[in-house]
Amino acid sequence: MNMIKKNILIILSIFLISSLFAVQKNTQFKNNPKVIVTGYVESKGNMPFSYPAIQGDDGNEYYIICSEKQKRRLLNNQGKHLRFTLVQIDEVLWTVKKFKVIK
């Protein structure tokens, strides 16, 4: 009986420690500063499930989460050199706060 209690205690300890790491990982993007990126809008995926991404001049690609209205605005500006203000919301996902066409 003593061995069973010991095993249960070890399993619970492992579970609690791993859940603390998971909570810490999810909160790390909450207070990220704004990032300014210049580049071009690209359309990813196939219609009707296309979504915008930004190909930055720095060579990085930024996947964007946005409303349908902003998605249309971004995709209508494909091929134009733009300056974006981005906020990171996940490890690979970003949201656009504002963007402007660069001459």
PDB file of N, CA and C in Angstrom:
ATOM      1  N   MET A   1       0.824  -1.200   0.000  1.00  0.00           N
ATOM      2  CA  MET A   1       0.000   0.000   0.000  1.00  0.00           C
ATOM      3  C   MET A   1       0.869   1.266   0.000  1.00  0.00           C
ATOM      4  N   ASN A   2       1.971   1.205   0.705  1.00  0.00           N
ATOM      5  CA  ASN A   2       2.867   2.334   0.789  1.00  0.00           C
ATOM      6  C   ASN A   2       3.492   2.649  -0.581  1.00  0.00           C
ATOM      7  N   MET A   3       3.758   1.620  -1.370  1.00  0.00           N
ATOM      8  CA  MET A   3       4.337   1.781  -2.711  1.00  0.00           C
ATOM      9  C   MET A   3       3.336   2.472  -3.646  1.00  0.00           C
ATOM     10  N   ILE A   4       2.068   2.155  -3.527  1.00  0.00           N
ATOM     11  CA  ILE A   4       1.035   2.768  -4.372  1.00  0.00           C
ATOM     12  C   ILE A   4       0.937   4.266  -4.064  1.00  0.00           C
ATOM     13  N   LYS A   5       0.949   4.626  -2.796  1.00  0.00           N
ATOM     14  CA  LYS A   5       0.891   6.043  -2.410  1.00  0.00           C
ATOM     15  C   LYS A   5       2.106   6.795  -2.951  1.00  0.00           C
ATOM     16  N   LYS A   6       3.251   6.166  -2.901  1.00  0.00           N
ATOM     17  CA  LYS A   6       4.479   6.794  -3.389  1.00  0.00           C
ATOM     18  C   LYS A   6       4.402   7.035  -4.898  1.00  0.00           C
ATOM     19  N   ASN A   7       3.887   6.050  -5.651  1.00  0.00           N
ATOM     20  CA  ASN A   7       3.747   6.193  -7.105  1.00  0.00           C
ATOM     21  C   ASN A   7       2.732   7.282  -7.464  1.00  0.00           C
ATOM     22  N   ILE A   8       1.637   7.322  -6.733  1.00  0.00           N
ATOM     23  CA  ILE A   8       0.618   8.353  -6.989  1.00  0.00           C
ATOM     24  C   ILE A   8       1.188   9.736  -6.708  1.00  0.00           C
ATOM     25  N   LEU A   9       1.947   9.882  -5.649  1.00  0.00           N
ATOM     26  CA  LEU A   9       2.570  11.151  -5.309  1.00  0.00           C
ATOM     27  C   LEU A   9       3.551  11.601  -6.398  1.00  0.00           C
ATOM     28  N   ILE A  10       4.319  10.680  -6.933  1.00  0.00           N
ATOM     29  CA  ILE A  10       5.269  11.003  -8.002  1.00  0.00           C
ATOM     30  C   ILE A  10       4.528  11.439  -9.264  1.00  0.00           C
ATOM     31  N   ILE A  11       3.481  10.727  -9.623  1.00  0.00           N
ATOM     32  CA  ILE A  11       2.705  11.067 -10.825  1.00  0.00           C
ATOM     33  C   ILE A  11       2.053  12.432 -10.676  1.00  0.00           C
ATOM     34  N   LEU A  12       1.478  12.718  -9.511  1.00  0.00           N
ATOM     35  CA  LEU A  12       0.863  14.025  -9.276  1.00  0.00           C
ATOM     36  C   LEU A  12       1.898  15.148  -9.318  1.00  0.00           C
ATOM     37  N   SER A  13       3.073  14.900  -8.785  1.00  0.00           N
ATOM     38  CA  SER A  13       4.135  15.908  -8.805  1.00  0.00           C
ATOM     39  C   SER A  13       4.558  16.221 -10.239  1.00  0.00           C
ATOM     40  N   ILE A  14       4.720  15.207 -11.040  1.00  0.00           N
ATOM     41  CA  ILE A  14       5.092  15.404 -12.446  1.00  0.00           C
ATOM     42  C   ILE A  14       4.006  16.188 -13.175  1.00  0.00           C
ATOM     43  N   PHE A  15       2.760  15.853 -12.921  1.00  0.00           N
ATOM     44  CA  PHE A  15       1.634  16.551 -13.555  1.00  0.00           C
ATOM     45  C   PHE A  15       1.610  18.025 -13.162  1.00  0.00           C
ATOM     46  N   LEU A  16       1.787  18.328 -11.892  1.00  0.00           N
ATOM     47  CA  LEU A  16       1.760  19.717 -11.431  1.00  0.00           C
ATOM     48  C   LEU A  16       2.916  20.530 -12.014  1.00  0.00           C
ATOM     49  N   ILE A  17       4.091  19.965 -12.051  1.00  0.00           N
ATOM     50  CA  ILE A  17       5.241  20.679 -12.603  1.00  0.00           C
ATOM     51  C   ILE A  17       5.053  20.939 -14.093  1.00  0.00           C
ATOM     52  N   SER A  18       4.569  19.939 -14.832  1.00  0.00           N
ATOM     53  CA  SER A  18       4.364  20.136 -16.271  1.00  0.00           C
ATOM     54  C   SER A  18       3.254  21.148 -16.545  1.00  0.00           C
ATOM     55  N   SER A  19       2.217  21.193 -15.718  1.00  0.00           N
ATOM     56  CA  SER A  19       1.158  22.178 -15.928  1.00  0.00           C
ATOM     57  C   SER A  19       1.653  23.592 -15.647  1.00  0.00           C
ATOM     58  N   LEU A  20       2.571  23.759 -14.712  1.00  0.00           N
ATOM     59  CA  LEU A  20       3.138  25.082 -14.460  1.00  0.00           C
ATOM     60  C   LEU A  20       3.939  25.574 -15.658  1.00  0.00           C
ATOM     61  N   PHE A  21       4.694  24.691 -16.308  1.00  0.00           N
ATOM     62  CA  PHE A  21       5.428  25.078 -17.507  1.00  0.00           C
ATOM     63  C   PHE A  21       4.478  25.440 -18.645  1.00  0.00           C
ATOM     64  N   ALA A  22       3.372  24.725 -18.759  1.00  0.00           N
ATOM     65  CA  ALA A  22       2.402  25.010 -19.818  1.00  0.00           C
ATOM     66  C   ALA A  22       1.766  26.379 -19.604  1.00  0.00           C
ATOM     67  N   VAL A  23       1.421  26.726 -18.395  1.00  0.00           N
ATOM     68  CA  VAL A  23       0.837  28.034 -18.105  1.00  0.00           C
ATOM     69  C   VAL A  23       1.847  29.135 -18.371  1.00  0.00           C
ATOM     70  N   GLN A  24       3.073  28.936 -18.002  1.00  0.00           N
ATOM     71  CA  GLN A  24       4.110  29.929 -18.224  1.00  0.00           C
ATOM     72  C   GLN A  24       4.321  30.158 -19.720  1.00  0.00           C
ATOM     73  N   LYS A  25       4.280  29.116 -20.525  1.00  0.00           N
ATOM     74  CA  LYS A  25       4.494  29.237 -21.962  1.00  0.00           C
ATOM     75  C   LYS A  25       3.368  30.036 -22.608  1.00  0.00           C
ATOM     76  N   ASN A  26       2.113  29.855 -22.174  1.00  0.00           N
ATOM     77  CA  ASN A  26       0.985  30.544 -22.777  1.00  0.00           C
ATOM     78  C   ASN A  26       0.957  32.027 -22.437  1.00  0.00           C
ATOM     79  N   THR A  27       1.552  32.437 -21.344  1.00  0.00           N
ATOM     80  CA  THR A  27       1.497  33.834 -20.951  1.00  0.00           C
ATOM     81  C   THR A  27       2.674  34.649 -21.462  1.00  0.00           C
ATOM     82  N   GLN A  28       3.648  34.056 -22.095  1.00  0.00           N
ATOM     83  CA  GLN A  28       4.832  34.801 -22.480  1.00  0.00           C
ATOM     84  C   GLN A  28       4.578  35.795 -23.599  1.00  0.00           C
ATOM     85  N   PHE A  29       3.504  35.671 -24.384  1.00  0.00           N
ATOM     86  CA  PHE A  29       3.251  36.575 -25.498  1.00  0.00           C
ATOM     87  C   PHE A  29       2.281  37.692 -25.142  1.00  0.00           C
ATOM     88  N   LYS A  30       1.782  37.734 -23.904  1.00  0.00           N
ATOM     89  CA  LYS A  30       0.769  38.725 -23.550  1.00  0.00           C
ATOM     90  C   LYS A  30       1.292  40.152 -23.570  1.00  0.00           C
ATOM     91  N   ASN A  31       2.508  40.375 -23.161  1.00  0.00           N
ATOM     92  CA  ASN A  31       3.038  41.724 -23.048  1.00  0.00           C
ATOM     93  C   ASN A  31       4.113  42.032 -24.078  1.00  0.00           C
ATOM     94  N   ASN A  32       4.032  41.406 -25.234  1.00  0.00           N
ATOM     95  CA  ASN A  32       5.043  41.645 -26.263  1.00  0.00           C
ATOM     96  C   ASN A  32       4.901  43.042 -26.834  1.00  0.00           C
ATOM     97  N   PRO A  33       6.011  43.690 -27.089  1.00  0.00           N
ATOM     98  CA  PRO A  33       5.955  45.015 -27.706  1.00  0.00           C
ATOM     99  C   PRO A  33       5.580  44.906 -29.179  1.00  0.00           C
ATOM    100  N   LYS A  34       5.238  46.049 -29.727  1.00  0.00           N
ATOM    101  CA  LYS A  34       4.932  46.109 -31.153  1.00  0.00           C
ATOM    102  C   LYS A  34       6.217  45.959 -31.950  1.00  0.00           C
ATOM    103  N   VAL A  35       6.112  45.317 -33.106  1.00  0.00           N
ATOM    104  CA  VAL A  35       7.246  45.117 -34.000  1.00  0.00           C
ATOM    105  C   VAL A  35       6.907  45.785 -35.327  1.00  0.00           C
ATOM    106  N   ILE A  36       7.831  46.556 -35.861  1.00  0.00           N
ATOM    107  CA  ILE A  36       7.613  47.204 -37.157  1.00  0.00           C
ATOM    108  C   ILE A  36       8.386  46.425 -38.210  1.00  0.00           C
ATOM    109  N   VAL A  37       7.672  45.999 -39.247  1.00  0.00           N
ATOM    110  CA  VAL A  37       8.241  45.165 -40.310  1.00  0.00           C
ATOM    111  C   VAL A  37       7.885  45.793 -41.642  1.00  0.00           C
ATOM    112  N   THR A  38       8.823  45.793 -42.573  1.00  0.00           N
ATOM    113  CA  THR A  38       8.518  46.193 -43.947  1.00  0.00           C
ATOM    114  C   THR A  38       8.582  44.955 -44.829  1.00  0.00           C
ATOM    115  N   GLY A  39       7.683  44.904 -45.800  1.00  0.00           N
ATOM    116  CA  GLY A  39       7.650  43.755 -46.689  1.00  0.00           C
ATOM    117  C   GLY A  39       6.411  43.756 -47.562  1.00  0.00           C
ATOM    118  N   TYR A  40       6.050  42.578 -48.013  1.00  0.00           N
ATOM    119  CA  TYR A  40       4.951  42.403 -48.956  1.00  0.00           C
ATOM    120  C   TYR A  40       3.933  41.412 -48.402  1.00  0.00           C
ATOM    121  N   VAL A  41       2.663  41.619 -48.760  1.00  0.00           N
ATOM    122  CA  VAL A  41       1.594  40.695 -48.376  1.00  0.00           C
ATOM    123  C   VAL A  41       1.558  39.557 -49.378  1.00  0.00           C
ATOM    124  N   GLU A  42       1.416  38.343 -48.873  1.00  0.00           N
ATOM    125  CA  GLU A  42       1.244  37.160 -49.716  1.00  0.00           C
ATOM    126  C   GLU A  42      -0.046  36.471 -49.317  1.00  0.00           C
ATOM    127  N   SER A  43      -0.661  35.799 -50.259  1.00  0.00           N
ATOM    128  CA  SER A  43      -1.848  35.008 -49.985  1.00  0.00           C
ATOM    129  C   SER A  43      -1.423  33.551 -49.819  1.00  0.00           C
ATOM    130  N   LYS A  44      -1.781  32.956 -48.696  1.00  0.00           N
ATOM    131  CA  LYS A  44      -1.461  31.555 -48.420  1.00  0.00           C
ATOM    132  C   LYS A  44      -2.754  30.743 -48.430  1.00  0.00           C
ATOM    133  N   GLY A  45      -2.640  29.479 -48.788  1.00  0.00           N
ATOM    134  CA  GLY A  45      -3.812  28.611 -48.816  1.00  0.00           C
ATOM    135  C   GLY A  45      -4.567  28.736 -50.126  1.00  0.00           C
ATOM    136  N   ASN A  46      -5.692  28.045 -50.204  1.00  0.00           N
ATOM    137  CA  ASN A  46      -6.532  28.048 -51.403  1.00  0.00           C
ATOM    138  C   ASN A  46      -7.881  28.666 -51.079  1.00  0.00           C
ATOM    139  N   MET A  47      -8.491  29.285 -52.084  1.00  0.00           N
ATOM    140  CA  MET A  47      -9.810  29.888 -51.902  1.00  0.00           C
ATOM    141  C   MET A  47     -10.800  28.782 -51.573  1.00  0.00           C
ATOM    142  N   PRO A  48     -11.731  28.969 -50.716  1.00  0.00           N
ATOM    143  CA  PRO A  48     -12.063  30.172 -49.932  1.00  0.00           C
ATOM    144  C   PRO A  48     -11.336  30.230 -48.589  1.00  0.00           C
ATOM    145  N   PHE A  49     -10.325  29.419 -48.390  1.00  0.00           N
ATOM    146  CA  PHE A  49      -9.640  29.351 -47.110  1.00  0.00           C
ATOM    147  C   PHE A  49      -8.268  30.031 -47.147  1.00  0.00           C
ATOM    148  N   SER A  50      -8.146  31.073 -47.944  1.00  0.00           N
ATOM    149  CA  SER A  50      -6.865  31.774 -48.023  1.00  0.00           C
ATOM    150  C   SER A  50      -6.713  32.702 -46.814  1.00  0.00           C
ATOM    151  N   TYR A  51      -5.481  32.988 -46.477  1.00  0.00           N
ATOM    152  CA  TYR A  51      -5.189  33.898 -45.368  1.00  0.00           C
ATOM    153  C   TYR A  51      -3.924  34.673 -45.717  1.00  0.00           C
ATOM    154  N   PRO A  52      -3.798  35.872 -45.164  1.00  0.00           N
ATOM    155  CA  PRO A  52      -2.627  36.687 -45.490  1.00  0.00           C
ATOM    156  C   PRO A  52      -1.406  36.302 -44.671  1.00  0.00           C
ATOM    157  N   ALA A  53      -0.267  36.477 -45.269  1.00  0.00           N
ATOM    158  CA  ALA A  53       1.020  36.341 -44.588  1.00  0.00           C
ATOM    159  C   ALA A  53       1.892  37.484 -45.084  1.00  0.00           C
ATOM    160  N   ILE A  54       2.876  37.837 -44.298  1.00  0.00           N
ATOM    161  CA  ILE A  54       3.783  38.924 -44.676  1.00  0.00           C
ATOM    162  C   ILE A  54       5.157  38.331 -44.917  1.00  0.00           C
ATOM    163  N   GLN A  55       5.703  38.606 -46.096  1.00  0.00           N
ATOM    164  CA  GLN A  55       7.080  38.246 -46.410  1.00  0.00           C
ATOM    165  C   GLN A  55       7.910  39.479 -46.126  1.00  0.00           C
ATOM    166  N   GLY A  56       8.624  39.463 -45.013  1.00  0.00           N
ATOM    167  CA  GLY A  56       9.390  40.625 -44.596  1.00  0.00           C
ATOM    168  C   GLY A  56      10.652  40.809 -45.407  1.00  0.00           C
ATOM    169  N   ASP A  57      11.119  42.050 -45.471  1.00  0.00           N
ATOM    170  CA  ASP A  57      12.376  42.346 -46.156  1.00  0.00           C
ATOM    171  C   ASP A  57      13.549  41.671 -45.457  1.00  0.00           C
ATOM    172  N   ASP A  58      13.358  41.306 -44.181  1.00  0.00           N
ATOM    173  CA  ASP A  58      14.407  40.623 -43.424  1.00  0.00           C
ATOM    174  C   ASP A  58      14.460  39.129 -43.710  1.00  0.00           C
ATOM    175  N   GLY A  59      13.552  38.635 -44.589  1.00  0.00           N
ATOM    176  CA  GLY A  59      13.541  37.227 -44.955  1.00  0.00           C
ATOM    177  C   GLY A  59      12.597  36.375 -44.114  1.00  0.00           C
ATOM    178  N   ASN A  60      12.038  36.940 -43.051  1.00  0.00           N
ATOM    179  CA  ASN A  60      11.098  36.190 -42.214  1.00  0.00           C
ATOM    180  C   ASN A  60       9.694  36.240 -42.792  1.00  0.00           C
ATOM    181  N   GLU A  61       8.912  35.216 -42.470  1.00  0.00           N
ATOM    182  CA  GLU A  61       7.522  35.166 -42.891  1.00  0.00           C
ATOM    183  C   GLU A  61       6.644  35.228 -41.654  1.00  0.00           C
ATOM    184  N   TYR A  62       5.625  36.080 -41.694  1.00  0.00           N
ATOM    185  CA  TYR A  62       4.742  36.302 -40.554  1.00  0.00           C
ATOM    186  C   TYR A  62       3.327  35.894 -40.940  1.00  0.00           C
ATOM    187  N   TYR A  63       2.753  34.928 -40.221  1.00  0.00           N
ATOM    188  CA  TYR A  63       1.388  34.477 -40.470  1.00  0.00           C
ATOM    189  C   TYR A  63       0.433  35.341 -39.667  1.00  0.00           C
ATOM    190  N   ILE A  64      -0.602  35.853 -40.337  1.00  0.00           N
ATOM    191  CA  ILE A  64      -1.464  36.870 -39.770  1.00  0.00           C
ATOM    192  C   ILE A  64      -2.833  36.300 -39.399  1.00  0.00           C
ATOM    193  N   ILE A  65      -3.295  36.681 -38.202  1.00  0.00           N
ATOM    194  CA  ILE A  65      -4.663  36.401 -37.761  1.00  0.00           C
ATOM    195  C   ILE A  65      -5.387  37.747 -37.750  1.00  0.00           C
ATOM    196  N   CYS A  66      -6.518  37.848 -38.466  1.00  0.00           N
ATOM    197  CA  CYS A  66      -7.233  39.122 -38.531  1.00  0.00           C
ATOM    198  C   CYS A  66      -8.691  38.882 -38.902  1.00  0.00           C
ATOM    199  N   SER A  67      -9.469  39.953 -38.863  1.00  0.00           N
ATOM    200  CA  SER A  67     -10.883  39.885 -39.240  1.00  0.00           C
ATOM    201  C   SER A  67     -10.997  39.750 -40.761  1.00  0.00           C
ATOM    202  N   GLU A  68     -12.184  39.421 -41.227  1.00  0.00           N
ATOM    203  CA  GLU A  68     -12.416  39.287 -42.671  1.00  0.00           C
ATOM    204  C   GLU A  68     -12.201  40.614 -43.387  1.00  0.00           C
ATOM    205  N   LYS A  69     -12.619  41.706 -42.756  1.00  0.00           N
ATOM    206  CA  LYS A  69     -12.464  43.032 -43.361  1.00  0.00           C
ATOM    207  C   LYS A  69     -10.985  43.371 -43.526  1.00  0.00           C
ATOM    208  N   GLN A  70     -10.198  43.148 -42.484  1.00  0.00           N
ATOM    209  CA  GLN A  70      -8.765  43.437 -42.571  1.00  0.00           C
ATOM    210  C   GLN A  70      -8.070  42.470 -43.526  1.00  0.00           C
ATOM    211  N   LYS A  71      -8.541  41.243 -43.567  1.00  0.00           N
ATOM    212  CA  LYS A  71      -7.972  40.258 -44.503  1.00  0.00           C
ATOM    213  C   LYS A  71      -8.140  40.730 -45.944  1.00  0.00           C
ATOM    214  N   ARG A  72      -9.330  41.234 -46.287  1.00  0.00           N
ATOM    215  CA  ARG A  72      -9.562  41.758 -47.643  1.00  0.00           C
ATOM    216  C   ARG A  72      -8.661  42.956 -47.933  1.00  0.00           C
ATOM    217  N   ARG A  73      -8.528  43.861 -46.942  1.00  0.00           N
ATOM    218  CA  ARG A  73      -7.670  45.037 -47.123  1.00  0.00           C
ATOM    219  C   ARG A  73      -6.216  44.632 -47.353  1.00  0.00           C
ATOM    220  N   LEU A  74      -5.737  43.660 -46.581  1.00  0.00           N
ATOM    221  CA  LEU A  74      -4.359  43.204 -46.740  1.00  0.00           C
ATOM    222  C   LEU A  74      -4.154  42.542 -48.098  1.00  0.00           C
ATOM    223  N   LEU A  75      -5.063  41.633 -48.462  1.00  0.00           N
ATOM    224  CA  LEU A  75      -4.903  40.907 -49.726  1.00  0.00           C
ATOM    225  C   LEU A  75      -5.056  41.824 -50.938  1.00  0.00           C
ATOM    226  N   ASN A  76      -5.818  42.923 -50.790  1.00  0.00           N
ATOM    227  CA  ASN A  76      -5.935  43.893 -51.884  1.00  0.00           C
ATOM    228  C   ASN A  76      -4.641  44.681 -52.094  1.00  0.00           C
ATOM    229  N   ASN A  77      -3.746  44.653 -51.130  1.00  0.00           N
ATOM    230  CA  ASN A  77      -2.476  45.369 -51.229  1.00  0.00           C
ATOM    231  C   ASN A  77      -1.306  44.445 -51.576  1.00  0.00           C
ATOM    232  N   GLN A  78      -1.592  43.297 -52.138  1.00  0.00           N
ATOM    233  CA  GLN A  78      -0.510  42.405 -52.564  1.00  0.00           C
ATOM    234  C   GLN A  78       0.317  43.088 -53.651  1.00  0.00           C
ATOM    235  N   GLY A  79       1.620  42.894 -53.592  1.00  0.00           N
ATOM    236  CA  GLY A  79       2.507  43.469 -54.593  1.00  0.00           C
ATOM    237  C   GLY A  79       2.983  44.868 -54.256  1.00  0.00           C
ATOM    238  N   LYS A  80       2.439  45.466 -53.193  1.00  0.00           N
ATOM    239  CA  LYS A  80       2.873  46.792 -52.771  1.00  0.00           C
ATOM    240  C   LYS A  80       3.819  46.647 -51.588  1.00  0.00           C
ATOM    241  N   HIS A  81       4.807  47.514 -51.531  1.00  0.00           N
ATOM    242  CA  HIS A  81       5.751  47.513 -50.414  1.00  0.00           C
ATOM    243  C   HIS A  81       5.077  48.236 -49.248  1.00  0.00           C
ATOM    244  N   LEU A  82       4.948  47.546 -48.107  1.00  0.00           N
ATOM    245  CA  LEU A  82       4.197  48.075 -46.968  1.00  0.00           C
ATOM    246  C   LEU A  82       5.041  48.084 -45.705  1.00  0.00           C
ATOM    247  N   ARG A  83       4.652  48.952 -44.780  1.00  0.00           N
ATOM    248  CA  ARG A  83       5.225  48.967 -43.434  1.00  0.00           C
ATOM    249  C   ARG A  83       4.103  48.523 -42.478  1.00  0.00           C
ATOM    250  N   PHE A  84       4.378  47.497 -41.688  1.00  0.00           N
ATOM    251  CA  PHE A  84       3.385  46.913 -40.785  1.00  0.00           C
ATOM    252  C   PHE A  84       3.793  47.126 -39.335  1.00  0.00           C
ATOM    253  N   THR A  85       2.809  47.336 -38.488  1.00  0.00           N
ATOM    254  CA  THR A  85       3.018  47.292 -37.046  1.00  0.00           C
ATOM    255  C   THR A  85       2.351  46.013 -36.572  1.00  0.00           C
ATOM    256  N   LEU A  86       3.143  45.057 -36.075  1.00  0.00           N
ATOM    257  CA  LEU A  86       2.664  43.733 -35.704  1.00  0.00           C
ATOM    258  C   LEU A  86       2.793  43.507 -34.203  1.00  0.00           C
ATOM    259  N   VAL A  87       1.906  42.649 -33.685  1.00  0.00           N
ATOM    260  CA  VAL A  87       1.987  42.185 -32.304  1.00  0.00           C
ATOM    261  C   VAL A  87       1.923  40.662 -32.342  1.00  0.00           C
ATOM    262  N   GLN A  88       2.848  40.008 -31.676  1.00  0.00           N
ATOM    263  CA  GLN A  88       2.890  38.546 -31.662  1.00  0.00           C
ATOM    264  C   GLN A  88       1.859  38.023 -30.672  1.00  0.00           C
ATOM    265  N   ILE A  89       1.021  37.066 -31.128  1.00  0.00           N
ATOM    266  CA  ILE A  89      -0.003  36.498 -30.253  1.00  0.00           C
ATOM    267  C   ILE A  89       0.245  35.027 -29.943  1.00  0.00           C
ATOM    268  N   ASP A  90       1.179  34.423 -30.649  1.00  0.00           N
ATOM    269  CA  ASP A  90       1.516  33.022 -30.444  1.00  0.00           C
ATOM    270  C   ASP A  90       2.938  32.829 -30.959  1.00  0.00           C
ATOM    271  N   GLU A  91       3.428  31.623 -30.910  1.00  0.00           N
ATOM    272  CA  GLU A  91       4.790  31.379 -31.378  1.00  0.00           C
ATOM    273  C   GLU A  91       4.964  31.698 -32.856  1.00  0.00           C
ATOM    274  N   VAL A  92       3.925  31.453 -33.656  1.00  0.00           N
ATOM    275  CA  VAL A  92       4.047  31.688 -35.101  1.00  0.00           C
ATOM    276  C   VAL A  92       2.970  32.610 -35.650  1.00  0.00           C
ATOM    277  N   LEU A  93       2.033  33.056 -34.832  1.00  0.00           N
ATOM    278  CA  LEU A  93       0.925  33.876 -35.310  1.00  0.00           C
ATOM    279  C   LEU A  93       1.074  35.319 -34.848  1.00  0.00           C
ATOM    280  N   TRP A  94       0.696  36.241 -35.748  1.00  0.00           N
ATOM    281  CA  TRP A  94       0.798  37.672 -35.499  1.00  0.00           C
ATOM    282  C   TRP A  94      -0.527  38.330 -35.835  1.00  0.00           C
ATOM    283  N   THR A  95      -0.747  39.520 -35.306  1.00  0.00           N
ATOM    284  CA  THR A  95      -1.883  40.336 -35.702  1.00  0.00           C
ATOM    285  C   THR A  95      -1.351  41.702 -36.149  1.00  0.00           C
ATOM    286  N   VAL A  96      -2.029  42.304 -37.105  1.00  0.00           N
ATOM    287  CA  VAL A  96      -1.612  43.587 -37.659  1.00  0.00           C
ATOM    288  C   VAL A  96      -2.365  44.694 -36.938  1.00  0.00           C
ATOM    289  N   LYS A  97      -1.631  45.603 -36.306  1.00  0.00           N
ATOM    290  CA  LYS A  97      -2.260  46.766 -35.685  1.00  0.00           C
ATOM    291  C   LYS A  97      -2.543  47.835 -36.721  1.00  0.00           C
ATOM    292  N   LYS A  98      -1.577  48.083 -37.604  1.00  0.00           N
ATOM    293  CA  LYS A  98      -1.785  49.029 -38.706  1.00  0.00           C
ATOM    294  C   LYS A  98      -0.746  48.758 -39.786  1.00  0.00           C
ATOM    295  N   PHE A  99      -1.038  49.267 -40.990  1.00  0.00           N
ATOM    296  CA  PHE A  99      -0.073  49.144 -42.074  1.00  0.00           C
ATOM    297  C   PHE A  99      -0.191  50.352 -42.985  1.00  0.00           C
ATOM    298  N   LYS A 100       0.879  50.638 -43.700  1.00  0.00           N
ATOM    299  CA  LYS A 100       0.934  51.808 -44.563  1.00  0.00           C
ATOM    300  C   LYS A 100       1.749  51.464 -45.795  1.00  0.00           C
ATOM    301  N   VAL A 101       1.303  51.965 -46.965  1.00  0.00           N
ATOM    302  CA  VAL A 101       2.024  51.761 -48.221  1.00  0.00           C
ATOM    303  C   VAL A 101       3.260  52.646 -48.223  1.00  0.00           C
ATOM    304  N   ILE A 102       4.414  52.051 -48.568  1.00  0.00           N
ATOM    305  CA  ILE A 102       5.660  52.792 -48.692  1.00  0.00           C
ATOM    306  C   ILE A 102       5.866  53.125 -50.159  1.00  0.00           C
ATOM    307  N   LYS A 103       6.197  54.342 -50.447  1.00  0.00           N
ATOM    308  CA  LYS A 103       6.403  54.760 -51.833  1.00  0.00           C
ATOM    309  C   LYS A 103       7.664  54.187 -52.406  1.00  0.00           C
TER     310      LYS A 103
END
